[in-house]
Structures are given as C-alpha cells and as structure tokens.
C-alpha cells in the first residue's frame, strides 16, 4: 500500500508507485549556477541532483557528468537525445 509520503525522502521509492515525471524549468538563478558549474568543471553535460525544501530552497547534492537521462526523455518527451546529437554534430 502506498504511503502518502512514499518518495518524499528518496524519489527512487516512487518507481513502484507510479512516479510522475514532468518537465520543469529551474529558476533562472539556479540555472545560471548549473551552467557556471559545468563551465568551471570543463563539462559540456551534467545531470544535477537537488533537494527542494518546503521553503523552495535548492540544495545541491551532486552533478553526474555522465548521468542517466534516456528514461527521463522517454517519460517526458523532452528531446534530450536530439540536443546531445546536435551538440556533437558541431565537431564533425
């Protein structure tokens, strides 16, 4: 039986309970910080993990430079593969 707070502490608990993925735009301030992080680390890509507190504070956990994203693309219909392919095509 699904507890009301299943996945509240660790979102991966939601896999077996209909985890709902939706496209979301980060606040500009957080987006800029992510881009600055990638630039400082010499990365072209990264999957960022955050906790968002009830007061809407974004707590950075990690950036995975080769994070898994296909499952997100399939669930949300966001064109991640296409964006990566377009980026890589610049170097032919």
PDB file of N, CA and C in Angstrom:
ATOM      1  N   UNK A   1       0.846  -1.183   0.000  1.00  0.00           N
ATOM      2  CA  UNK A   1       0.000   0.000   0.000  1.00  0.00           C
ATOM      3  C   UNK A   1       0.889   1.243   0.000  1.00  0.00           C
ATOM      4  N   UNK A   2       0.512   2.214  -0.770  1.00  0.00           N
ATOM      5  CA  UNK A   2       1.278   3.446  -0.920  1.00  0.00           C
ATOM      6  C   UNK A   2       1.038   4.387   0.251  1.00  0.00           C
ATOM      7  N   UNK A   3       2.109   4.704   0.945  1.00  0.00           N
ATOM      8  CA  UNK A   3       2.012   5.717   1.995  1.00  0.00           C
ATOM      9  C   UNK A   3       2.008   7.085   1.321  1.00  0.00           C
ATOM     10  N   UNK A   4       1.351   8.031   1.916  1.00  0.00           N
ATOM     11  CA  UNK A   4       1.233   9.362   1.320  1.00  0.00           C
ATOM     12  C   UNK A   4       2.595  10.007   1.073  1.00  0.00           C
ATOM     13  N   UNK A   5       3.577   9.674   1.897  1.00  0.00           N
ATOM     14  CA  UNK A   5       4.887  10.307   1.755  1.00  0.00           C
ATOM     15  C   UNK A   5       5.921   9.410   1.082  1.00  0.00           C
ATOM     16  N   UNK A   6       5.485   8.321   0.398  1.00  0.00           N
ATOM     17  CA  UNK A   6       6.427   7.466  -0.325  1.00  0.00           C
ATOM     18  C   UNK A   6       7.160   8.312  -1.358  1.00  0.00           C
ATOM     19  N   UNK A   7       8.458   8.255  -1.329  1.00  0.00           N
ATOM     20  CA  UNK A   7       9.275   9.037  -2.247  1.00  0.00           C
ATOM     21  C   UNK A   7       9.603  10.431  -1.767  1.00  0.00           C
ATOM     22  N   UNK A   8       9.082  10.812  -0.648  1.00  0.00           N
ATOM     23  CA  UNK A   8       9.328  12.170  -0.155  1.00  0.00           C
ATOM     24  C   UNK A   8      10.786  12.366   0.243  1.00  0.00           C
ATOM     25  N   UNK A   9      11.392  11.348   0.837  1.00  0.00           N
ATOM     26  CA  UNK A   9      12.792  11.437   1.244  1.00  0.00           C
ATOM     27  C   UNK A   9      13.708  11.015   0.097  1.00  0.00           C
ATOM     28  N   UNK A  10      13.341   9.959  -0.607  1.00  0.00           N
ATOM     29  CA  UNK A  10      14.144   9.450  -1.722  1.00  0.00           C
ATOM     30  C   UNK A  10      13.196   9.177  -2.884  1.00  0.00           C
ATOM     31  N   UNK A  11      13.250   9.996  -3.931  1.00  0.00           N
ATOM     32  CA  UNK A  11      12.314   9.898  -5.041  1.00  0.00           C
ATOM     33  C   UNK A  11      12.338   8.528  -5.704  1.00  0.00           C
ATOM     34  N   UNK A  12      13.456   7.797  -5.586  1.00  0.00           N
ATOM     35  CA  UNK A  12      13.535   6.480  -6.222  1.00  0.00           C
ATOM     36  C   UNK A  12      12.539   5.494  -5.626  1.00  0.00           C
ATOM     37  N   UNK A  13      12.030   5.770  -4.446  1.00  0.00           N
ATOM     38  CA  UNK A  13      10.988   4.918  -3.869  1.00  0.00           C
ATOM     39  C   UNK A  13       9.712   4.960  -4.705  1.00  0.00           C
ATOM     40  N   UNK A  14       9.545   5.977  -5.504  1.00  0.00           N
ATOM     41  CA  UNK A  14       8.347   6.135  -6.309  1.00  0.00           C
ATOM     42  C   UNK A  14       8.292   5.256  -7.544  1.00  0.00           C
ATOM     43  N   UNK A  15       9.404   4.584  -7.893  1.00  0.00           N
ATOM     44  CA  UNK A  15       9.419   3.727  -9.081  1.00  0.00           C
ATOM     45  C   UNK A  15       8.262   2.736  -9.094  1.00  0.00           C
ATOM     46  N   UNK A  16       7.979   2.132  -7.977  1.00  0.00           N
ATOM     47  CA  UNK A  16       6.945   1.104  -7.918  1.00  0.00           C
ATOM     48  C   UNK A  16       5.556   1.674  -7.663  1.00  0.00           C
ATOM     49  N   UNK A  17       5.444   2.979  -7.570  1.00  0.00           N
ATOM     50  CA  UNK A  17       4.166   3.597  -7.218  1.00  0.00           C
ATOM     51  C   UNK A  17       3.764   4.700  -8.200  1.00  0.00           C
ATOM     52  N   UNK A  18       4.076   4.491  -9.460  1.00  0.00           N
ATOM     53  CA  UNK A  18       3.630   5.452 -10.466  1.00  0.00           C
ATOM     54  C   UNK A  18       4.327   6.792 -10.393  1.00  0.00           C
ATOM     55  N   UNK A  19       5.632   6.783 -10.229  1.00  0.00           N
ATOM     56  CA  UNK A  19       6.402   8.024 -10.220  1.00  0.00           C
ATOM     57  C   UNK A  19       5.994   8.870 -11.419  1.00  0.00           C
ATOM     58  N   UNK A  20       5.675  10.112 -11.194  1.00  0.00           N
ATOM     59  CA  UNK A  20       5.209  11.015 -12.237  1.00  0.00           C
ATOM     60  C   UNK A  20       6.307  12.016 -12.563  1.00  0.00           C
ATOM     61  N   UNK A  21       6.813  11.967 -13.796  1.00  0.00           N
ATOM     62  CA  UNK A  21       7.854  12.895 -14.238  1.00  0.00           C
ATOM     63  C   UNK A  21       7.235  13.947 -15.142  1.00  0.00           C
ATOM     64  N   UNK A  22       7.547  15.205 -14.857  1.00  0.00           N
ATOM     65  CA  UNK A  22       7.034  16.316 -15.651  1.00  0.00           C
ATOM     66  C   UNK A  22       8.165  17.274 -15.970  1.00  0.00           C
ATOM     67  N   UNK A  23       8.155  17.875 -17.170  1.00  0.00           N
ATOM     68  CA  UNK A  23       9.151  18.910 -17.472  1.00  0.00           C
ATOM     69  C   UNK A  23       9.034  20.049 -16.461  1.00  0.00           C
ATOM     70  N   UNK A  24      10.180  20.630 -16.121  1.00  0.00           N
ATOM     71  CA  UNK A  24      10.207  21.683 -15.110  1.00  0.00           C
ATOM     72  C   UNK A  24      11.327  22.649 -15.459  1.00  0.00           C
ATOM     73  N   UNK A  25      11.050  23.921 -15.409  1.00  0.00           N
ATOM     74  CA  UNK A  25      12.076  24.936 -15.628  1.00  0.00           C
ATOM     75  C   UNK A  25      12.640  25.375 -14.289  1.00  0.00           C
ATOM     76  N   UNK A  26      13.951  25.257 -14.154  1.00  0.00           N
ATOM     77  CA  UNK A  26      14.602  25.743 -12.942  1.00  0.00           C
ATOM     78  C   UNK A  26      14.488  27.253 -12.861  1.00  0.00           C
ATOM     79  N   UNK A  27      14.482  27.796 -11.666  1.00  0.00           N
ATOM     80  CA  UNK A  27      14.579  29.250 -11.544  1.00  0.00           C
ATOM     81  C   UNK A  27      15.870  29.726 -12.217  1.00  0.00           C
ATOM     82  N   UNK A  28      15.829  30.905 -12.816  1.00  0.00           N
ATOM     83  CA  UNK A  28      16.993  31.428 -13.544  1.00  0.00           C
ATOM     84  C   UNK A  28      18.260  31.397 -12.700  1.00  0.00           C
ATOM     85  N   UNK A  29      18.166  31.768 -11.439  1.00  0.00           N
ATOM     86  CA  UNK A  29      19.341  31.802 -10.559  1.00  0.00           C
ATOM     87  C   UNK A  29      19.997  30.423 -10.453  1.00  0.00           C
ATOM     88  N   UNK A  30      19.200  29.385 -10.348  1.00  0.00           N
ATOM     89  CA  UNK A  30      19.721  28.022 -10.221  1.00  0.00           C
ATOM     90  C   UNK A  30      20.275  27.551 -11.561  1.00  0.00           C
ATOM     91  N   UNK A  31      19.585  27.872 -12.633  1.00  0.00           N
ATOM     92  CA  UNK A  31      20.044  27.505 -13.968  1.00  0.00           C
ATOM     93  C   UNK A  31      21.417  28.108 -14.268  1.00  0.00           C
ATOM     94  N   UNK A  32      21.592  29.374 -13.939  1.00  0.00           N
ATOM     95  CA  UNK A  32      22.882  30.048 -14.142  1.00  0.00           C
ATOM     96  C   UNK A  32      23.975  29.378 -13.313  1.00  0.00           C
ATOM     97  N   UNK A  33      23.655  29.016 -12.082  1.00  0.00           N
ATOM     98  CA  UNK A  33      24.638  28.342 -11.232  1.00  0.00           C
ATOM     99  C   UNK A  33      25.034  26.986 -11.819  1.00  0.00           C
ATOM    100  N   UNK A  34      24.068  26.264 -12.387  1.00  0.00           N
ATOM    101  CA  UNK A  34      24.375  24.977 -13.019  1.00  0.00           C
ATOM    102  C   UNK A  34      25.299  25.177 -14.217  1.00  0.00           C
ATOM    103  N   UNK A  35      25.004  26.167 -15.043  1.00  0.00           N
ATOM    104  CA  UNK A  35      25.852  26.437 -16.205  1.00  0.00           C
ATOM    105  C   UNK A  35      27.251  26.878 -15.778  1.00  0.00           C
ATOM    106  N   UNK A  36      27.343  27.694 -14.740  1.00  0.00           N
ATOM    107  CA  UNK A  36      28.655  28.093 -14.220  1.00  0.00           C
ATOM    108  C   UNK A  36      29.429  26.893 -13.702  1.00  0.00           C
ATOM    109  N   UNK A  37      28.743  25.982 -13.025  1.00  0.00           N
ATOM    110  CA  UNK A  37      29.373  24.757 -12.524  1.00  0.00           C
ATOM    111  C   UNK A  37      29.950  23.952 -13.687  1.00  0.00           C
ATOM    112  N   UNK A  38      29.141  23.738 -14.720  1.00  0.00           N
ATOM    113  CA  UNK A  38      29.619  22.983 -15.875  1.00  0.00           C
ATOM    114  C   UNK A  38      30.845  23.649 -16.480  1.00  0.00           C
ATOM    115  N   UNK A  39      30.809  24.955 -16.612  1.00  0.00           N
ATOM    116  CA  UNK A  39      31.930  25.697 -17.193  1.00  0.00           C
ATOM    117  C   UNK A  39      33.187  25.553 -16.340  1.00  0.00           C
ATOM    118  N   UNK A  40      33.050  25.732 -15.031  1.00  0.00           N
ATOM    119  CA  UNK A  40      34.201  25.626 -14.130  1.00  0.00           C
ATOM    120  C   UNK A  40      34.808  24.221 -14.119  1.00  0.00           C
ATOM    121  N   UNK A  41      33.955  23.205 -14.290  1.00  0.00           N
ATOM    122  CA  UNK A  41      34.420  21.821 -14.273  1.00  0.00           C
ATOM    123  C   UNK A  41      34.853  21.328 -15.653  1.00  0.00           C
ATOM    124  N   UNK A  42      34.710  22.181 -16.671  1.00  0.00           N
ATOM    125  CA  UNK A  42      35.088  21.787 -18.027  1.00  0.00           C
ATOM    126  C   UNK A  42      34.159  20.731 -18.616  1.00  0.00           C
ATOM    127  N   UNK A  43      32.887  20.780 -18.240  1.00  0.00           N
ATOM    128  CA  UNK A  43      31.915  19.794 -18.708  1.00  0.00           C
ATOM    129  C   UNK A  43      30.962  20.414 -19.726  1.00  0.00           C
ATOM    130  N   UNK A  44      30.534  19.612 -20.689  1.00  0.00           N
ATOM    131  CA  UNK A  44      29.523  20.038 -21.648  1.00  0.00           C
ATOM    132  C   UNK A  44      28.137  19.557 -21.261  1.00  0.00           C
ATOM    133  N   UNK A  45      28.068  18.630 -20.308  1.00  0.00           N
ATOM    134  CA  UNK A  45      26.814  17.998 -19.935  1.00  0.00           C
ATOM    135  C   UNK A  45      26.899  17.554 -18.485  1.00  0.00           C
ATOM    136  N   UNK A  46      25.789  17.578 -17.801  1.00  0.00           N
ATOM    137  CA  UNK A  46      25.731  17.046 -16.450  1.00  0.00           C
ATOM    138  C   UNK A  46      24.297  16.910 -15.995  1.00  0.00           C
ATOM    139  N   UNK A  47      24.037  15.876 -15.231  1.00  0.00           N
ATOM    140  CA  UNK A  47      22.725  15.666 -14.616  1.00  0.00           C
ATOM    141  C   UNK A  47      22.833  16.104 -13.160  1.00  0.00           C
ATOM    142  N   UNK A  48      22.077  17.120 -12.796  1.00  0.00           N
ATOM    143  CA  UNK A  48      22.154  17.699 -11.465  1.00  0.00           C
ATOM    144  C   UNK A  48      21.086  17.102 -10.557  1.00  0.00           C
ATOM    145  N   UNK A  49      21.480  16.823  -9.336  1.00  0.00           N
ATOM    146  CA  UNK A  49      20.547  16.347  -8.312  1.00  0.00           C
ATOM    147  C   UNK A  49      20.426  17.411  -7.228  1.00  0.00           C
ATOM    148  N   UNK A  50      19.188  17.737  -6.898  1.00  0.00           N
ATOM    149  CA  UNK A  50      18.877  18.733  -5.872  1.00  0.00           C
ATOM    150  C   UNK A  50      17.818  18.191  -4.935  1.00  0.00           C
ATOM    151  N   UNK A  51      17.776  18.751  -3.768  1.00  0.00           N
ATOM    152  CA  UNK A  51      16.620  18.651  -2.883  1.00  0.00           C
ATOM    153  C   UNK A  51      15.997  20.043  -2.887  1.00  0.00           C
ATOM    154  N   UNK A  52      14.695  20.097  -3.011  1.00  0.00           N
ATOM    155  CA  UNK A  52      13.989  21.368  -2.890  1.00  0.00           C
ATOM    156  C   UNK A  52      13.215  21.310  -1.579  1.00  0.00           C
ATOM    157  N   UNK A  53      13.571  22.196  -0.678  1.00  0.00           N
ATOM    158  CA  UNK A  53      12.967  22.205   0.649  1.00  0.00           C
ATOM    159  C   UNK A  53      11.545  22.776   0.576  1.00  0.00           C
ATOM    160  N   UNK A  54      10.756  22.577   1.618  1.00  0.00           N
ATOM    161  CA  UNK A  54       9.397  23.157   1.633  1.00  0.00           C
ATOM    162  C   UNK A  54       9.395  24.679   1.450  1.00  0.00           C
ATOM    163  N   UNK A  55      10.502  25.332   1.831  1.00  0.00           N
ATOM    164  CA  UNK A  55      10.590  26.788   1.641  1.00  0.00           C
ATOM    165  C   UNK A  55      11.191  27.154   0.281  1.00  0.00           C
ATOM    166  N   UNK A  56      11.266  26.168  -0.633  1.00  0.00           N
ATOM    167  CA  UNK A  56      11.754  26.339  -2.010  1.00  0.00           C
ATOM    168  C   UNK A  56      13.243  26.688  -2.096  1.00  0.00           C
ATOM    169  N   UNK A  57      14.005  26.267  -1.107  1.00  0.00           N
ATOM    170  CA  UNK A  57      15.456  26.405  -1.166  1.00  0.00           C
ATOM    171  C   UNK A  57      16.001  25.202  -1.949  1.00  0.00           C
ATOM    172  N   UNK A  58      16.890  25.462  -2.901  1.00  0.00           N
ATOM    173  CA  UNK A  58      17.500  24.400  -3.696  1.00  0.00           C
ATOM    174  C   UNK A  58      18.814  23.992  -3.040  1.00  0.00           C
ATOM    175  N   UNK A  59      18.905  22.727  -2.657  1.00  0.00           N
ATOM    176  CA  UNK A  59      20.106  22.195  -2.020  1.00  0.00           C
ATOM    177  C   UNK A  59      20.792  21.281  -3.030  1.00  0.00           C
ATOM    178  N   UNK A  60      21.979  21.669  -3.475  1.00  0.00           N
ATOM    179  CA  UNK A  60      22.747  20.899  -4.447  1.00  0.00           C
ATOM    180  C   UNK A  60      23.274  19.622  -3.805  1.00  0.00           C
ATOM    181  N   UNK A  61      23.058  18.483  -4.459  1.00  0.00           N
ATOM    182  CA  UNK A  61      23.600  17.215  -3.985  1.00  0.00           C
ATOM    183  C   UNK A  61      24.800  16.795  -4.807  1.00  0.00           C
ATOM    184  N   UNK A  62      24.634  16.749  -6.137  1.00  0.00           N
ATOM    185  CA  UNK A  62      25.735  16.319  -6.997  1.00  0.00           C
ATOM    186  C   UNK A  62      25.416  16.629  -8.446  1.00  0.00           C
ATOM    187  N   UNK A  63      26.468  16.564  -9.251  1.00  0.00           N
ATOM    188  CA  UNK A  63      26.333  16.639 -10.695  1.00  0.00           C
ATOM    189  C   UNK A  63      26.974  15.374 -11.262  1.00  0.00           C
ATOM    190  N   UNK A  64      26.190  14.604 -11.996  1.00  0.00           N
ATOM    191  CA  UNK A  64      26.697  13.400 -12.641  1.00  0.00           C
ATOM    192  C   UNK A  64      27.089  13.747 -14.074  1.00  0.00           C
ATOM    193  N   UNK A  65      28.385  13.744 -14.406  1.00  0.00           N
ATOM    194  CA  UNK A  65      28.817  14.156 -15.739  1.00  0.00           C
ATOM    195  C   UNK A  65      28.434  13.166 -16.834  1.00  0.00           C
ATOM    196  N   UNK A  66      28.014  11.982 -16.464  1.00  0.00           N
ATOM    197  CA  UNK A  66      27.525  11.022 -17.447  1.00  0.00           C
ATOM    198  C   UNK A  66      26.236  10.405 -16.917  1.00  0.00           C
ATOM    199  N   UNK A  67      25.376  11.269 -16.392  1.00  0.00           N
ATOM    200  CA  UNK A  67      24.148  10.803 -15.762  1.00  0.00           C
ATOM    201  C   UNK A  67      23.208  10.107 -16.733  1.00  0.00           C
ATOM    202  N   UNK A  68      22.376   9.278 -16.190  1.00  0.00           N
ATOM    203  CA  UNK A  68      21.382   8.552 -16.986  1.00  0.00           C
ATOM    204  C   UNK A  68      20.218   9.488 -17.282  1.00  0.00           C
ATOM    205  N   UNK A  69      19.822   9.567 -18.546  1.00  0.00           N
ATOM    206  CA  UNK A  69      18.786  10.509 -18.925  1.00  0.00           C
ATOM    207  C   UNK A  69      17.749   9.928 -19.881  1.00  0.00           C
ATOM    208  N   UNK A  70      18.017   8.799 -20.530  1.00  0.00           N
ATOM    209  CA  UNK A  70      17.077   8.285 -21.527  1.00  0.00           C
ATOM    210  C   UNK A  70      15.704   8.005 -20.922  1.00  0.00           C
ATOM    211  N   UNK A  71      15.684   7.474 -19.719  1.00  0.00           N
ATOM    212  CA  UNK A  71      14.397   7.185 -19.079  1.00  0.00           C
ATOM    213  C   UNK A  71      13.601   8.463 -18.842  1.00  0.00           C
ATOM    214  N   UNK A  72      14.297   9.575 -18.595  1.00  0.00           N
ATOM    215  CA  UNK A  72      13.616  10.862 -18.417  1.00  0.00           C
ATOM    216  C   UNK A  72      13.044  11.320 -19.761  1.00  0.00           C
ATOM    217  N   UNK A  73      13.849  11.180 -20.814  1.00  0.00           N
ATOM    218  CA  UNK A  73      13.379  11.561 -22.147  1.00  0.00           C
ATOM    219  C   UNK A  73      12.138  10.749 -22.536  1.00  0.00           C
ATOM    220  N   UNK A  74      12.158   9.459 -22.309  1.00  0.00           N
ATOM    221  CA  UNK A  74      11.022   8.607 -22.661  1.00  0.00           C
ATOM    222  C   UNK A  74       9.770   8.968 -21.868  1.00  0.00           C
ATOM    223  N   UNK A  75       9.942   9.328 -20.609  1.00  0.00           N
ATOM    224  CA  UNK A  75       8.798   9.645 -19.758  1.00  0.00           C
ATOM    225  C   UNK A  75       8.238  11.040 -20.009  1.00  0.00           C
ATOM    226  N   UNK A  76       9.083  11.978 -20.441  1.00  0.00           N
ATOM    227  CA  UNK A  76       8.661  13.375 -20.544  1.00  0.00           C
ATOM    228  C   UNK A  76       8.563  13.897 -21.975  1.00  0.00           C
ATOM    229  N   UNK A  77       9.064  13.107 -22.928  1.00  0.00           N
ATOM    230  CA  UNK A  77       9.104  13.513 -24.339  1.00  0.00           C
ATOM    231  C   UNK A  77       9.973  14.744 -24.573  1.00  0.00           C
ATOM    232  N   UNK A  78      10.872  15.015 -23.650  1.00  0.00           N
ATOM    233  CA  UNK A  78      11.856  16.083 -23.856  1.00  0.00           C
ATOM    234  C   UNK A  78      12.901  15.564 -24.837  1.00  0.00           C
ATOM    235  N   UNK A  79      13.426  16.401 -25.698  1.00  0.00           N
ATOM    236  CA  UNK A  79      14.314  15.964 -26.781  1.00  0.00           C
ATOM    237  C   UNK A  79      15.783  16.019 -26.356  1.00  0.00           C
ATOM    238  N   UNK A  80      16.118  15.248 -25.353  1.00  0.00           N
ATOM    239  CA  UNK A  80      17.477  15.234 -24.818  1.00  0.00           C
ATOM    240  C   UNK A  80      18.433  14.609 -25.819  1.00  0.00           C
ATOM    241  N   UNK A  81      18.078  13.470 -26.396  1.00  0.00           N
ATOM    242  CA  UNK A  81      18.933  12.799 -27.385  1.00  0.00           C
ATOM    243  C   UNK A  81      19.250  13.733 -28.541  1.00  0.00           C
ATOM    244  N   UNK A  82      18.225  14.406 -29.019  1.00  0.00           N
ATOM    245  CA  UNK A  82      18.395  15.322 -30.146  1.00  0.00           C
ATOM    246  C   UNK A  82      19.350  16.468 -29.783  1.00  0.00           C
ATOM    247  N   UNK A  83      19.202  17.015 -28.596  1.00  0.00           N
ATOM    248  CA  UNK A  83      20.072  18.116 -28.174  1.00  0.00           C
ATOM    249  C   UNK A  83      21.523  17.660 -28.070  1.00  0.00           C
ATOM    250  N   UNK A  84      21.744  16.471 -27.535  1.00  0.00           N
ATOM    251  CA  UNK A  84      23.109  15.946 -27.424  1.00  0.00           C
ATOM    252  C   UNK A  84      23.681  15.671 -28.815  1.00  0.00           C
ATOM    253  N   UNK A  85      22.872  15.086 -29.704  1.00  0.00           N
ATOM    254  CA  UNK A  85      23.330  14.797 -31.065  1.00  0.00           C
ATOM    255  C   UNK A  85      23.685  16.085 -31.814  1.00  0.00           C
ATOM    256  N   UNK A  86      22.847  17.103 -31.655  1.00  0.00           N
ATOM    257  CA  UNK A  86      23.134  18.396 -32.308  1.00  0.00           C
ATOM    258  C   UNK A  86      24.427  18.996 -31.779  1.00  0.00           C
ATOM    259  N   UNK A  87      24.652  18.896 -30.485  1.00  0.00           N
ATOM    260  CA  UNK A  87      25.885  19.408 -29.913  1.00  0.00           C
ATOM    261  C   UNK A  87      27.091  18.661 -30.482  1.00  0.00           C
ATOM    262  N   UNK A  88      27.014  17.341 -30.505  1.00  0.00           N
ATOM    263  CA  UNK A  88      28.134  16.535 -31.004  1.00  0.00           C
ATOM    264  C   UNK A  88      28.373  16.741 -32.508  1.00  0.00           C
ATOM    265  N   UNK A  89      27.329  17.016 -33.261  1.00  0.00           N
ATOM    266  CA  UNK A  89      27.454  17.227 -34.696  1.00  0.00           C
ATOM    267  C   UNK A  89      28.279  18.467 -35.036  1.00  0.00           C
ATOM    268  N   UNK A  90      28.428  19.369 -34.083  1.00  0.00           N
ATOM    269  CA  UNK A  90      29.254  20.573 -34.316  1.00  0.00           C
ATOM    270  C   UNK A  90      30.713  20.226 -34.559  1.00  0.00           C
ATOM    271  N   UNK A  91      31.141  19.044 -34.141  1.00  0.00           N
ATOM    272  CA  UNK A  91      32.562  18.692 -34.144  1.00  0.00           C
ATOM    273  C   UNK A  91      32.938  17.765 -35.295  1.00  0.00           C
ATOM    274  N   UNK A  92      32.099  17.669 -36.316  1.00  0.00           N
ATOM    275  CA  UNK A  92      32.429  16.769 -37.427  1.00  0.00           C
ATOM    276  C   UNK A  92      33.439  17.372 -38.360  1.00  0.00           C
TER     277      UNK A  92
END
